[in-house]
């Protein structure tokens, strides 16, 4: 299903790019004949392909670990790279197909419109999928879950080694700022935790809270006999597990007593089985 969503998304991007380019440039190139249609088609296909590659880069590039200023800098750099690659590759292909000097002279007045369209198409694609995980879901459905998880875990900073007498004391409560207030959450009340960029969303039966802290930090501080990291983005309280359900050959779905379902990775399932004595 996620793979189909990606395909439909990029068909939509290609169609949008074709229509926008063709009808915005046509008034400037009335005698272009078939040139404009071929030009628009090539541009549409290139835009869709380049945005697919950049979407994967954003999804798997761990940009969420960067500060907000650095993330915006990366996104602006990707926009500039998309614009240069799109226009450059398009014109190289058009040069290979049509080498007419008159055709190239007619392209010059359209450069500002092409740059504007490149920015608009990039922003449209960003709004659609930069804040969704369709690429990750598609790869996980093909069995790449363990690979991507191991890559991300390997990139996380290693915790300092401690002796047996220096083991960190498990958390008993978590303080979360909520505007002018501070909410104190007993660890026993936590149902599960979900990663959200630079933050972690803490779910309890009474509500949910946002804490600026890493999943790795929570994993090391929460009581290991009660909390298990079943996915790179999820830590669950074993006391709230209601059922483990197999929903395809290599993936399990964890159903909690609150009615919420949480996906389990292959490595997370192994850890969970050990914690539950299965």
C-alpha atoms as a PDB file:
ATOM      1  CA  UNK A   1       0.000   0.000   0.000  1.00  0.00           C
ATOM      2  CA  UNK A   2       2.819   2.432   0.847  1.00  0.00           C
ATOM      3  CA  UNK A   3       4.544   1.616  -2.450  1.00  0.00           C
ATOM      4  CA  UNK A   4       1.329   2.391  -4.320  1.00  0.00           C
ATOM      5  CA  UNK A   5       1.040   5.705  -2.447  1.00  0.00           C
ATOM      6  CA  UNK A   6       4.564   6.633  -3.550  1.00  0.00           C
ATOM      7  CA  UNK A   7       3.751   5.773  -7.175  1.00  0.00           C
ATOM      8  CA  UNK A   8       0.528   7.801  -7.148  1.00  0.00           C
ATOM      9  CA  UNK A   9       2.288  10.700  -5.442  1.00  0.00           C
ATOM     10  CA  UNK A  10       4.953  10.957  -8.128  1.00  0.00           C
ATOM     11  CA  UNK A  11       2.461  10.531 -10.935  1.00  0.00           C
ATOM     12  CA  UNK A  12       0.617  13.501  -9.418  1.00  0.00           C
ATOM     13  CA  UNK A  13       3.860  15.503  -9.199  1.00  0.00           C
ATOM     14  CA  UNK A  14       4.737  14.697 -12.836  1.00  0.00           C
ATOM     15  CA  UNK A  15       1.244  15.621 -14.047  1.00  0.00           C
ATOM     16  CA  UNK A  16       1.279  18.872 -12.073  1.00  0.00           C
ATOM     17  CA  UNK A  17       4.731  19.796 -13.406  1.00  0.00           C
ATOM     18  CA  UNK A  18       3.684  19.060 -17.008  1.00  0.00           C
ATOM     19  CA  UNK A  19       0.492  21.134 -16.857  1.00  0.00           C
ATOM     20  CA  UNK A  20       2.124  24.034 -15.007  1.00  0.00           C
ATOM     21  CA  UNK A  21       5.118  24.234 -17.348  1.00  0.00           C
ATOM     22  CA  UNK A  22       3.183  23.757 -20.579  1.00  0.00           C
ATOM     23  CA  UNK A  23       0.482  26.365 -19.944  1.00  0.00           C
ATOM     24  CA  UNK A  24       2.722  28.947 -18.275  1.00  0.00           C
ATOM     25  CA  UNK A  25       5.331  28.913 -21.061  1.00  0.00           C
ATOM     26  CA  UNK A  26       3.034  28.434 -24.053  1.00  0.00           C
ATOM     27  CA  UNK A  27       2.127  32.179 -24.315  1.00  0.00           C
ATOM     28  CA  UNK A  28       5.862  32.967 -24.602  1.00  0.00           C
ATOM     29  CA  UNK A  29       6.519  30.324 -27.269  1.00  0.00           C
ATOM     30  CA  UNK A  30       3.572  30.466 -29.654  1.00  0.00           C
ATOM     31  CA  UNK A  31       5.542  28.980 -32.566  1.00  0.00           C
ATOM     32  CA  UNK A  32       7.135  26.185 -30.556  1.00  0.00           C
ATOM     33  CA  UNK A  33       5.133  23.376 -32.182  1.00  0.00           C
ATOM     34  CA  UNK A  34       5.908  19.986 -30.656  1.00  0.00           C
ATOM     35  CA  UNK A  35       9.000  21.324 -28.898  1.00  0.00           C
ATOM     36  CA  UNK A  36       7.067  22.644 -25.921  1.00  0.00           C
ATOM     37  CA  UNK A  37       5.135  19.392 -25.400  1.00  0.00           C
ATOM     38  CA  UNK A  38       8.359  17.350 -25.421  1.00  0.00           C
ATOM     39  CA  UNK A  39      10.047  19.916 -23.192  1.00  0.00           C
ATOM     40  CA  UNK A  40       7.189  19.795 -20.661  1.00  0.00           C
ATOM     41  CA  UNK A  41       7.093  15.987 -20.678  1.00  0.00           C
ATOM     42  CA  UNK A  42      10.837  15.668 -20.059  1.00  0.00           C
ATOM     43  CA  UNK A  43      10.668  18.285 -17.306  1.00  0.00           C
ATOM     44  CA  UNK A  44       7.756  16.490 -15.619  1.00  0.00           C
ATOM     45  CA  UNK A  45       9.485  13.114 -15.563  1.00  0.00           C
ATOM     46  CA  UNK A  46      12.747  14.626 -14.312  1.00  0.00           C
ATOM     47  CA  UNK A  47      10.971  16.567 -11.556  1.00  0.00           C
ATOM     48  CA  UNK A  48       9.217  13.443 -10.325  1.00  0.00           C
ATOM     49  CA  UNK A  49      12.417  11.360 -10.354  1.00  0.00           C
ATOM     50  CA  UNK A  50      14.560  13.980  -8.628  1.00  0.00           C
ATOM     51  CA  UNK A  51      11.958  14.569  -5.923  1.00  0.00           C
ATOM     52  CA  UNK A  52      11.735  10.814  -5.334  1.00  0.00           C
ATOM     53  CA  UNK A  53      15.483  10.693  -4.635  1.00  0.00           C
ATOM     54  CA  UNK A  54      15.328  13.759  -2.407  1.00  0.00           C
ATOM     55  CA  UNK A  55      12.334  12.360  -0.543  1.00  0.00           C
ATOM     56  CA  UNK A  56      14.373   9.260   0.285  1.00  0.00           C
ATOM     57  CA  UNK A  57      17.303  11.434   1.356  1.00  0.00           C
ATOM     58  CA  UNK A  58      15.079  13.394   3.742  1.00  0.00           C
ATOM     59  CA  UNK A  59      13.422  10.245   5.124  1.00  0.00           C
ATOM     60  CA  UNK A  60      16.628   8.300   5.802  1.00  0.00           C
ATOM     61  CA  UNK A  61      19.065  11.171   6.314  1.00  0.00           C
ATOM     62  CA  UNK A  62      18.361  11.581  10.048  1.00  0.00           C
ATOM     63  CA  UNK A  63      17.691  15.299   9.507  1.00  0.00           C
ATOM     64  CA  UNK A  64      15.470  15.253  12.591  1.00  0.00           C
ATOM     65  CA  UNK A  65      18.638  14.935  14.685  1.00  0.00           C
ATOM     66  CA  UNK A  66      19.771  18.376  13.467  1.00  0.00           C
ATOM     67  CA  UNK A  67      18.796  21.670  15.009  1.00  0.00           C
ATOM     68  CA  UNK A  68      15.874  23.518  13.409  1.00  0.00           C
ATOM     69  CA  UNK A  69      18.223  26.066  11.785  1.00  0.00           C
ATOM     70  CA  UNK A  70      20.398  23.364  10.244  1.00  0.00           C
ATOM     71  CA  UNK A  71      17.329  21.464   9.009  1.00  0.00           C
ATOM     72  CA  UNK A  72      16.061  24.555   7.196  1.00  0.00           C
ATOM     73  CA  UNK A  73      19.512  25.095   5.728  1.00  0.00           C
ATOM     74  CA  UNK A  74      19.504  21.509   4.433  1.00  0.00           C
ATOM     75  CA  UNK A  75      16.015  21.907   2.933  1.00  0.00           C
ATOM     76  CA  UNK A  76      16.967  25.174   1.208  1.00  0.00           C
ATOM     77  CA  UNK A  77      20.140  23.539  -0.129  1.00  0.00           C
ATOM     78  CA  UNK A  78      18.101  20.634  -1.470  1.00  0.00           C
ATOM     79  CA  UNK A  79      15.747  23.111  -3.154  1.00  0.00           C
ATOM     80  CA  UNK A  80      18.676  24.825  -4.871  1.00  0.00           C
ATOM     81  CA  UNK A  81      20.136  21.459  -5.878  1.00  0.00           C
ATOM     82  CA  UNK A  82      16.761  20.356  -7.263  1.00  0.00           C
ATOM     83  CA  UNK A  83      16.443  23.555  -9.305  1.00  0.00           C
ATOM     84  CA  UNK A  84      19.934  23.275 -10.816  1.00  0.00           C
ATOM     85  CA  UNK A  85      19.659  19.552 -11.563  1.00  0.00           C
ATOM     86  CA  UNK A  86      16.140  19.848 -12.985  1.00  0.00           C
ATOM     87  CA  UNK A  87      16.897  22.705 -15.366  1.00  0.00           C
ATOM     88  CA  UNK A  88      20.358  21.444 -16.289  1.00  0.00           C
ATOM     89  CA  UNK A  89      19.329  17.853 -17.019  1.00  0.00           C
ATOM     90  CA  UNK A  90      16.221  18.965 -18.895  1.00  0.00           C
ATOM     91  CA  UNK A  91      18.141  21.267 -21.185  1.00  0.00           C
ATOM     92  CA  UNK A  92      20.855  18.677 -21.812  1.00  0.00           C
ATOM     93  CA  UNK A  93      18.216  16.203 -22.943  1.00  0.00           C
ATOM     94  CA  UNK A  94      16.506  18.822 -25.082  1.00  0.00           C
ATOM     95  CA  UNK A  95      19.869  19.678 -26.643  1.00  0.00           C
ATOM     96  CA  UNK A  96      20.383  16.012 -27.493  1.00  0.00           C
ATOM     97  CA  UNK A  97      16.961  15.895 -29.168  1.00  0.00           C
ATOM     98  CA  UNK A  98      16.694  19.368 -30.745  1.00  0.00           C
ATOM     99  CA  UNK A  99      19.809  21.283 -31.693  1.00  0.00           C
ATOM    100  CA  UNK A 100      18.048  24.161 -33.427  1.00  0.00           C
ATOM    101  CA  UNK A 101      19.597  27.526 -32.579  1.00  0.00           C
ATOM    102  CA  UNK A 102      16.209  29.241 -32.831  1.00  0.00           C
ATOM    103  CA  UNK A 103      14.817  26.853 -30.245  1.00  0.00           C
ATOM    104  CA  UNK A 104      17.536  27.673 -27.742  1.00  0.00           C
ATOM    105  CA  UNK A 105      17.071  31.392 -28.223  1.00  0.00           C
ATOM    106  CA  UNK A 106      13.362  30.969 -27.491  1.00  0.00           C
ATOM    107  CA  UNK A 107      14.185  29.275 -24.186  1.00  0.00           C
ATOM    108  CA  UNK A 108      15.911  32.304 -22.668  1.00  0.00           C
ATOM    109  CA  UNK A 109      12.734  34.345 -21.915  1.00  0.00           C
ATOM    110  CA  UNK A 110      11.279  31.349 -20.047  1.00  0.00           C
ATOM    111  CA  UNK A 111      14.113  31.017 -17.510  1.00  0.00           C
ATOM    112  CA  UNK A 112      12.439  33.115 -14.731  1.00  0.00           C
ATOM    113  CA  UNK A 113       9.197  31.136 -15.066  1.00  0.00           C
ATOM    114  CA  UNK A 114      11.075  27.825 -14.968  1.00  0.00           C
ATOM    115  CA  UNK A 115      12.921  28.862 -11.796  1.00  0.00           C
ATOM    116  CA  UNK A 116       9.652  29.926 -10.156  1.00  0.00           C
ATOM    117  CA  UNK A 117       7.983  26.640 -11.140  1.00  0.00           C
ATOM    118  CA  UNK A 118      10.937  24.653  -9.776  1.00  0.00           C
ATOM    119  CA  UNK A 119      10.531  26.366  -6.398  1.00  0.00           C
ATOM    120  CA  UNK A 120       6.754  25.870  -6.352  1.00  0.00           C
ATOM    121  CA  UNK A 121       6.947  22.182  -7.328  1.00  0.00           C
ATOM    122  CA  UNK A 122       9.624  21.543  -4.698  1.00  0.00           C
ATOM    123  CA  UNK A 123       7.483  23.235  -2.029  1.00  0.00           C
ATOM    124  CA  UNK A 124       4.428  21.252  -3.120  1.00  0.00           C
ATOM    125  CA  UNK A 125       6.312  17.970  -2.818  1.00  0.00           C
ATOM    126  CA  UNK A 126       7.733  19.033   0.560  1.00  0.00           C
ATOM    127  CA  UNK A 127       4.275  19.789   1.921  1.00  0.00           C
ATOM    128  CA  UNK A 128       3.011  16.400   0.761  1.00  0.00           C
ATOM    129  CA  UNK A 129       5.668  13.995   1.983  1.00  0.00           C
ATOM    130  CA  UNK A 130       8.395  15.606   4.063  1.00  0.00           C
ATOM    131  CA  UNK A 131       6.250  15.127   7.163  1.00  0.00           C
ATOM    132  CA  UNK A 132       5.046  11.620   6.291  1.00  0.00           C
ATOM    133  CA  UNK A 133       6.825   8.294   6.467  1.00  0.00           C
ATOM    134  CA  UNK A 134       5.627   6.703   3.230  1.00  0.00           C
ATOM    135  CA  UNK A 135       9.183   5.930   2.074  1.00  0.00           C
ATOM    136  CA  UNK A 136      10.115   4.283   5.371  1.00  0.00           C
ATOM    137  CA  UNK A 137       6.881   2.260   5.400  1.00  0.00           C
ATOM    138  CA  UNK A 138       7.447   1.100   1.841  1.00  0.00           C
ATOM    139  CA  UNK A 139      10.957  -0.106   2.628  1.00  0.00           C
ATOM    140  CA  UNK A 140       9.856  -1.782   5.848  1.00  0.00           C
ATOM    141  CA  UNK A 141       7.141  -3.664   3.961  1.00  0.00           C
ATOM    142  CA  UNK A 142       9.871  -5.061   1.723  1.00  0.00           C
ATOM    143  CA  UNK A 143      11.864  -6.383   4.685  1.00  0.00           C
ATOM    144  CA  UNK A 144      14.340  -3.509   5.106  1.00  0.00           C
ATOM    145  CA  UNK A 145      13.177  -2.694   8.640  1.00  0.00           C
ATOM    146  CA  UNK A 146      16.104  -4.360  10.398  1.00  0.00           C
ATOM    147  CA  UNK A 147      18.667  -2.834   8.024  1.00  0.00           C
ATOM    148  CA  UNK A 148      17.438   0.732   8.445  1.00  0.00           C
ATOM    149  CA  UNK A 149      17.063   0.266  12.190  1.00  0.00           C
ATOM    150  CA  UNK A 150      20.627  -1.014  12.559  1.00  0.00           C
ATOM    151  CA  UNK A 151      21.918   1.909  10.451  1.00  0.00           C
ATOM    152  CA  UNK A 152      20.164   4.430  12.697  1.00  0.00           C
ATOM    153  CA  UNK A 153      21.174   2.725  15.931  1.00  0.00           C
ATOM    154  CA  UNK A 154      24.785   2.590  14.729  1.00  0.00           C
ATOM    155  CA  UNK A 155      24.705   6.363  14.191  1.00  0.00           C
ATOM    156  CA  UNK A 156      23.536   7.076  17.724  1.00  0.00           C
ATOM    157  CA  UNK A 157      26.216   8.197  20.195  1.00  0.00           C
ATOM    158  CA  UNK A 158      27.530   5.450  22.441  1.00  0.00           C
ATOM    159  CA  UNK A 159      26.770   5.735  26.132  1.00  0.00           C
ATOM    160  CA  UNK A 160      29.764   5.800  28.473  1.00  0.00           C
ATOM    161  CA  UNK A 161      30.660   2.468  30.022  1.00  0.00           C
ATOM    162  CA  UNK A 162      29.818   2.103  33.691  1.00  0.00           C
ATOM    163  CA  UNK A 163      30.765  -0.516  36.226  1.00  0.00           C
ATOM    164  CA  UNK A 164      28.252  -2.663  38.074  1.00  0.00           C
ATOM    165  CA  UNK A 165      28.398  -0.258  41.025  1.00  0.00           C
ATOM    166  CA  UNK A 166      27.739   2.732  38.760  1.00  0.00           C
ATOM    167  CA  UNK A 167      24.561   1.581  37.024  1.00  0.00           C
ATOM    168  CA  UNK A 168      22.173   4.481  36.353  1.00  0.00           C
ATOM    169  CA  UNK A 169      19.261   4.662  38.758  1.00  0.00           C
ATOM    170  CA  UNK A 170      15.979   3.972  36.885  1.00  0.00           C
ATOM    171  CA  UNK A 171      13.620   6.900  36.578  1.00  0.00           C
ATOM    172  CA  UNK A 172      10.622   7.041  38.894  1.00  0.00           C
ATOM    173  CA  UNK A 173       9.013  10.147  37.417  1.00  0.00           C
ATOM    174  CA  UNK A 174       9.428  12.479  34.444  1.00  0.00           C
ATOM    175  CA  UNK A 175       8.973  16.262  34.537  1.00  0.00           C
ATOM    176  CA  UNK A 176       7.607  17.882  31.381  1.00  0.00           C
ATOM    177  CA  UNK A 177       7.201  21.616  30.783  1.00  0.00           C
ATOM    178  CA  UNK A 178       3.686  22.560  29.677  1.00  0.00           C
ATOM    179  CA  UNK A 179       3.616  26.317  29.036  1.00  0.00           C
ATOM    180  CA  UNK A 180       3.945  27.975  32.423  1.00  0.00           C
ATOM    181  CA  UNK A 181       3.343  24.672  34.210  1.00  0.00           C
ATOM    182  CA  UNK A 182       5.390  21.544  34.826  1.00  0.00           C
ATOM    183  CA  UNK A 183       3.660  18.173  34.641  1.00  0.00           C
ATOM    184  CA  UNK A 184       5.146  15.365  36.729  1.00  0.00           C
ATOM    185  CA  UNK A 185       4.461  11.931  35.232  1.00  0.00           C
ATOM    186  CA  UNK A 186       5.022   8.789  37.324  1.00  0.00           C
ATOM    187  CA  UNK A 187       6.908   6.247  35.226  1.00  0.00           C
ATOM    188  CA  UNK A 188       4.372   3.548  36.151  1.00  0.00           C
ATOM    189  CA  UNK A 189       1.655   5.611  34.405  1.00  0.00           C
ATOM    190  CA  UNK A 190       3.469   5.648  31.046  1.00  0.00           C
ATOM    191  CA  UNK A 191       1.825   3.442  28.407  1.00  0.00           C
ATOM    192  CA  UNK A 192       4.432   3.951  25.690  1.00  0.00           C
ATOM    193  CA  UNK A 193       6.804   6.509  24.188  1.00  0.00           C
ATOM    194  CA  UNK A 194       6.992   7.578  20.543  1.00  0.00           C
ATOM    195  CA  UNK A 195       9.870   9.438  18.840  1.00  0.00           C
ATOM    196  CA  UNK A 196       8.934  12.707  17.115  1.00  0.00           C
ATOM    197  CA  UNK A 197      12.014  14.348  15.611  1.00  0.00           C
ATOM    198  CA  UNK A 198      14.047  15.969  18.373  1.00  0.00           C
ATOM    199  CA  UNK A 199      11.320  15.150  20.905  1.00  0.00           C
ATOM    200  CA  UNK A 200       9.633  12.124  22.463  1.00  0.00           C
ATOM    201  CA  UNK A 201       5.871  11.915  22.862  1.00  0.00           C
ATOM    202  CA  UNK A 202       4.916  10.300  26.181  1.00  0.00           C
ATOM    203  CA  UNK A 203       1.521   8.575  26.216  1.00  0.00           C
ATOM    204  CA  UNK A 204      -0.349   7.892  29.452  1.00  0.00           C
ATOM    205  CA  UNK A 205      -3.933   6.916  30.177  1.00  0.00           C
ATOM    206  CA  UNK A 206      -4.604  10.518  31.223  1.00  0.00           C
ATOM    207  CA  UNK A 207      -3.104  12.178  28.142  1.00  0.00           C
ATOM    208  CA  UNK A 208       0.062  12.715  26.132  1.00  0.00           C
ATOM    209  CA  UNK A 209       3.082  14.941  26.747  1.00  0.00           C
ATOM    210  CA  UNK A 210       6.032  16.148  24.662  1.00  0.00           C
ATOM    211  CA  UNK A 211       9.542  15.958  26.108  1.00  0.00           C
ATOM    212  CA  UNK A 212      12.753  17.243  24.493  1.00  0.00           C
ATOM    213  CA  UNK A 213      14.900  14.162  25.009  1.00  0.00           C
ATOM    214  CA  UNK A 214      16.240  11.280  22.905  1.00  0.00           C
ATOM    215  CA  UNK A 215      14.837   7.770  22.733  1.00  0.00           C
ATOM    216  CA  UNK A 216      18.299   6.408  23.539  1.00  0.00           C
ATOM    217  CA  UNK A 217      18.333   8.411  26.770  1.00  0.00           C
ATOM    218  CA  UNK A 218      14.906   7.142  27.811  1.00  0.00           C
ATOM    219  CA  UNK A 219      15.895   3.580  26.917  1.00  0.00           C
ATOM    220  CA  UNK A 220      18.871   3.753  29.269  1.00  0.00           C
ATOM    221  CA  UNK A 221      16.981   5.432  32.153  1.00  0.00           C
ATOM    222  CA  UNK A 222      13.645   3.618  32.235  1.00  0.00           C
ATOM    223  CA  UNK A 223      13.348   0.390  34.287  1.00  0.00           C
ATOM    224  CA  UNK A 224      14.498  -2.389  31.908  1.00  0.00           C
ATOM    225  CA  UNK A 225      12.125  -4.936  33.475  1.00  0.00           C
ATOM    226  CA  UNK A 226       9.121  -2.741  32.561  1.00  0.00           C
ATOM    227  CA  UNK A 227      10.053  -0.879  29.370  1.00  0.00           C
ATOM    228  CA  UNK A 228      11.202  -2.420  26.083  1.00  0.00           C
ATOM    229  CA  UNK A 229      12.246  -0.641  22.897  1.00  0.00           C
ATOM    230  CA  UNK A 230      10.230  -2.631  20.368  1.00  0.00           C
ATOM    231  CA  UNK A 231      11.015  -0.302  17.457  1.00  0.00           C
ATOM    232  CA  UNK A 232      13.528   2.447  16.759  1.00  0.00           C
ATOM    233  CA  UNK A 233      10.733   4.954  17.396  1.00  0.00           C
ATOM    234  CA  UNK A 234       8.747   3.169  20.130  1.00  0.00           C
ATOM    235  CA  UNK A 235       9.287   2.111  23.760  1.00  0.00           C
ATOM    236  CA  UNK A 236       6.404   0.298  25.456  1.00  0.00           C
ATOM    237  CA  UNK A 237       5.449  -0.516  29.035  1.00  0.00           C
ATOM    238  CA  UNK A 238       5.065  -4.312  29.167  1.00  0.00           C
ATOM    239  CA  UNK A 239       2.342  -3.981  31.818  1.00  0.00           C
ATOM    240  CA  UNK A 240       0.057  -2.465  29.169  1.00  0.00           C
ATOM    241  CA  UNK A 241       0.500  -5.206  26.547  1.00  0.00           C
ATOM    242  CA  UNK A 242      -2.780  -6.871  25.652  1.00  0.00           C
ATOM    243  CA  UNK A 243      -1.861  -8.906  22.582  1.00  0.00           C
ATOM    244  CA  UNK A 244       0.866  -9.551  20.010  1.00  0.00           C
ATOM    245  CA  UNK A 245      -0.542 -10.093  16.545  1.00  0.00           C
ATOM    246  CA  UNK A 246       1.215 -11.307  13.375  1.00  0.00           C
ATOM    247  CA  UNK A 247       0.083  -9.149  10.443  1.00  0.00           C
ATOM    248  CA  UNK A 248       2.514 -10.396   7.769  1.00  0.00           C
ATOM    249  CA  UNK A 249       5.376 -12.858   7.438  1.00  0.00           C
ATOM    250  CA  UNK A 250       8.040 -10.733   9.122  1.00  0.00           C
ATOM    251  CA  UNK A 251       6.190  -8.164  11.210  1.00  0.00           C
ATOM    252  CA  UNK A 252       4.157  -8.149  14.396  1.00  0.00           C
ATOM    253  CA  UNK A 253       1.683  -5.635  15.740  1.00  0.00           C
ATOM    254  CA  UNK A 254       1.538  -4.929  19.462  1.00  0.00           C
ATOM    255  CA  UNK A 255      -1.924  -4.143  20.845  1.00  0.00           C
ATOM    256  CA  UNK A 256      -2.022  -2.276  24.148  1.00  0.00           C
ATOM    257  CA  UNK A 257      -4.750  -2.284  26.780  1.00  0.00           C
ATOM    258  CA  UNK A 258      -5.604   1.308  25.879  1.00  0.00           C
ATOM    259  CA  UNK A 259      -6.607   0.179  22.367  1.00  0.00           C
ATOM    260  CA  UNK A 260      -3.523   1.593  20.641  1.00  0.00           C
ATOM    261  CA  UNK A 261      -1.524  -0.565  18.202  1.00  0.00           C
ATOM    262  CA  UNK A 262       2.274  -0.278  17.943  1.00  0.00           C
ATOM    263  CA  UNK A 263       4.433  -1.841  15.229  1.00  0.00           C
ATOM    264  CA  UNK A 264       7.290  -4.110  16.338  1.00  0.00           C
ATOM    265  CA  UNK A 265      10.535  -4.492  14.395  1.00  0.00           C
ATOM    266  CA  UNK A 266      12.238  -7.878  14.019  1.00  0.00           C
ATOM    267  CA  UNK A 267      14.973  -7.036  16.527  1.00  0.00           C
ATOM    268  CA  UNK A 268      12.438  -5.438  18.873  1.00  0.00           C
ATOM    269  CA  UNK A 269      10.324  -8.588  18.796  1.00  0.00           C
ATOM    270  CA  UNK A 270      13.317 -10.678  19.869  1.00  0.00           C
ATOM    271  CA  UNK A 271      13.987  -8.349  22.812  1.00  0.00           C
ATOM    272  CA  UNK A 272      10.306  -8.348  23.758  1.00  0.00           C
ATOM    273  CA  UNK A 273      10.160 -12.160  23.757  1.00  0.00           C
ATOM    274  CA  UNK A 274      13.094 -12.271  26.151  1.00  0.00           C
ATOM    275  CA  UNK A 275      11.451  -9.690  28.426  1.00  0.00           C
ATOM    276  CA  UNK A 276       8.198 -11.655  28.475  1.00  0.00           C
ATOM    277  CA  UNK A 277       9.928 -15.037  28.833  1.00  0.00           C
ATOM    278  CA  UNK A 278       8.508 -16.390  25.575  1.00  0.00           C
END
